């Protein structure tokens, strides 16, 4: 027997966790101490659980929006870093050398007629 409501709550939680992870994407090296990093993770987890449970949603959404606005550049840099790491891991798993932005620009310019 399949329980649809359980599946929906799981999907809701995964959607919220993915969204929060894309916004609050700092790493341990972004903090002066492990304690500061753990405090950051705990705060993000508290907000995530509250969103999943529907607790204080307007206030949390406002806090998320404010954080997103104040940290837009850091968020984009972290997402780019994650994409580069994924591309490197994918290339490594296929036994191919990693192609950098410089390599791609060079390759494109080789094919542009002069």
Protein backbone atom coordinates (compact mmCIF):
# COMPACT_ATOMS: atom_id res chain seq x y z
CA UNK A 1 0.00 0.00 0.00
CA UNK A 2 1.37 3.40 -1.02
CA UNK A 3 0.84 6.37 1.28
CA UNK A 4 0.55 9.44 -0.91
CA UNK A 5 0.65 11.98 1.91
CA UNK A 6 3.98 10.61 3.14
CA UNK A 7 5.41 10.89 -0.35
CA UNK A 8 4.16 14.45 -0.67
CA UNK A 9 5.66 15.47 2.67
CA UNK A 10 8.95 13.84 1.67
CA UNK A 11 8.95 15.68 -1.67
CA UNK A 12 8.12 18.93 0.13
CA UNK A 13 10.98 18.45 2.57
CA UNK A 14 13.45 17.59 -0.21
CA UNK A 15 12.39 20.67 -2.19
CA UNK A 16 12.85 22.92 0.84
CA UNK A 17 16.20 21.34 1.75
CA UNK A 18 17.49 21.73 -1.81
CA UNK A 19 16.41 25.37 -1.92
CA UNK A 20 17.96 26.15 1.46
CA UNK A 21 21.17 24.34 0.49
CA UNK A 22 21.46 26.42 -2.68
CA UNK A 23 21.09 29.64 -0.71
CA UNK A 24 22.93 28.83 2.52
CA UNK A 25 25.90 27.22 0.81
CA UNK A 26 28.88 28.31 2.88
CA UNK A 27 31.58 25.81 3.76
CA UNK A 28 33.70 25.32 6.84
CA UNK A 29 36.59 27.24 5.22
CA UNK A 30 34.33 30.30 4.96
CA UNK A 31 34.30 30.65 8.76
CA UNK A 32 36.94 31.72 11.27
CA UNK A 33 36.22 28.71 13.48
CA UNK A 34 34.51 25.35 13.44
CA UNK A 35 32.19 26.62 16.16
CA UNK A 36 31.00 29.48 13.93
CA UNK A 37 30.40 27.04 11.08
CA UNK A 38 28.43 24.68 13.32
CA UNK A 39 26.32 27.59 14.60
CA UNK A 40 25.58 28.53 10.97
CA UNK A 41 24.58 24.94 10.14
CA UNK A 42 22.36 24.75 13.21
CA UNK A 43 20.59 27.99 12.32
CA UNK A 44 20.00 26.81 8.75
CA UNK A 45 18.68 23.45 9.99
CA UNK A 46 16.32 25.17 12.44
CA UNK A 47 14.93 27.36 9.66
CA UNK A 48 14.62 24.36 7.33
CA UNK A 49 12.73 22.25 9.86
CA UNK A 50 10.41 25.14 10.65
CA UNK A 51 9.66 25.66 6.95
CA UNK A 52 8.96 21.95 6.51
CA UNK A 53 6.68 21.94 9.56
CA UNK A 54 5.00 25.23 8.57
CA UNK A 55 6.20 27.07 11.67
CA UNK A 56 6.73 30.85 11.42
CA UNK A 57 6.98 30.63 7.62
CA UNK A 58 6.55 34.36 6.80
CA UNK A 59 9.33 35.40 9.20
CA UNK A 60 11.68 32.69 7.95
CA UNK A 61 10.97 33.51 4.30
CA UNK A 62 11.73 37.17 5.04
CA UNK A 63 15.00 36.17 6.70
CA UNK A 64 15.93 33.94 3.74
CA UNK A 65 15.14 36.71 1.26
CA UNK A 66 17.21 39.21 3.26
CA UNK A 67 20.15 36.77 3.44
CA UNK A 68 19.87 36.06 -0.28
CA UNK A 69 19.95 39.77 -1.12
CA UNK A 70 22.85 40.54 1.23
CA UNK A 71 24.91 37.53 0.09
CA UNK A 72 24.03 37.31 -3.61
CA UNK A 73 27.64 37.44 -4.81
CA UNK A 74 28.85 34.83 -2.31
CA UNK A 75 25.93 32.56 -3.24
CA UNK A 76 26.72 32.81 -6.96
CA UNK A 77 30.45 32.21 -6.34
CA UNK A 78 29.70 29.12 -4.26
CA UNK A 79 27.32 27.78 -6.90
CA UNK A 80 29.97 28.31 -9.60
CA UNK A 81 32.58 26.58 -7.42
CA UNK A 82 30.20 23.65 -6.94
CA UNK A 83 29.59 23.41 -10.70
CA UNK A 84 33.33 23.45 -11.39
CA UNK A 85 33.93 20.73 -8.81
CA UNK A 86 31.13 18.64 -10.31
CA UNK A 87 32.58 19.05 -13.82
CA UNK A 88 36.04 18.07 -12.57
CA UNK A 89 34.65 15.01 -10.78
CA UNK A 90 32.67 13.99 -13.86
CA UNK A 91 35.72 14.39 -16.11
CA UNK A 92 37.87 12.45 -13.65
CA UNK A 93 35.33 9.62 -13.51
CA UNK A 94 35.53 9.38 -17.30
CA UNK A 95 39.32 9.58 -17.26
CA UNK A 96 39.33 12.88 -19.14
CA UNK A 97 41.36 15.98 -18.32
CA UNK A 98 39.41 18.84 -16.79
CA UNK A 99 38.59 21.60 -19.26
CA UNK A 100 39.01 25.07 -17.80
CA UNK A 101 37.36 28.29 -18.95
CA UNK A 102 40.65 29.30 -20.59
CA UNK A 103 40.73 26.02 -22.53
CA UNK A 104 37.16 26.54 -23.71
CA UNK A 105 37.83 30.10 -24.86
CA UNK A 106 40.94 28.96 -26.70
CA UNK A 107 39.02 26.12 -28.34
CA UNK A 108 36.22 28.45 -29.45
CA UNK A 109 38.61 31.05 -30.82
CA UNK A 110 40.37 28.32 -32.86
CA UNK A 111 37.10 27.75 -34.72
CA UNK A 112 36.16 31.40 -35.30
CA UNK A 113 37.00 32.55 -38.84
CA UNK A 114 39.31 35.56 -39.05
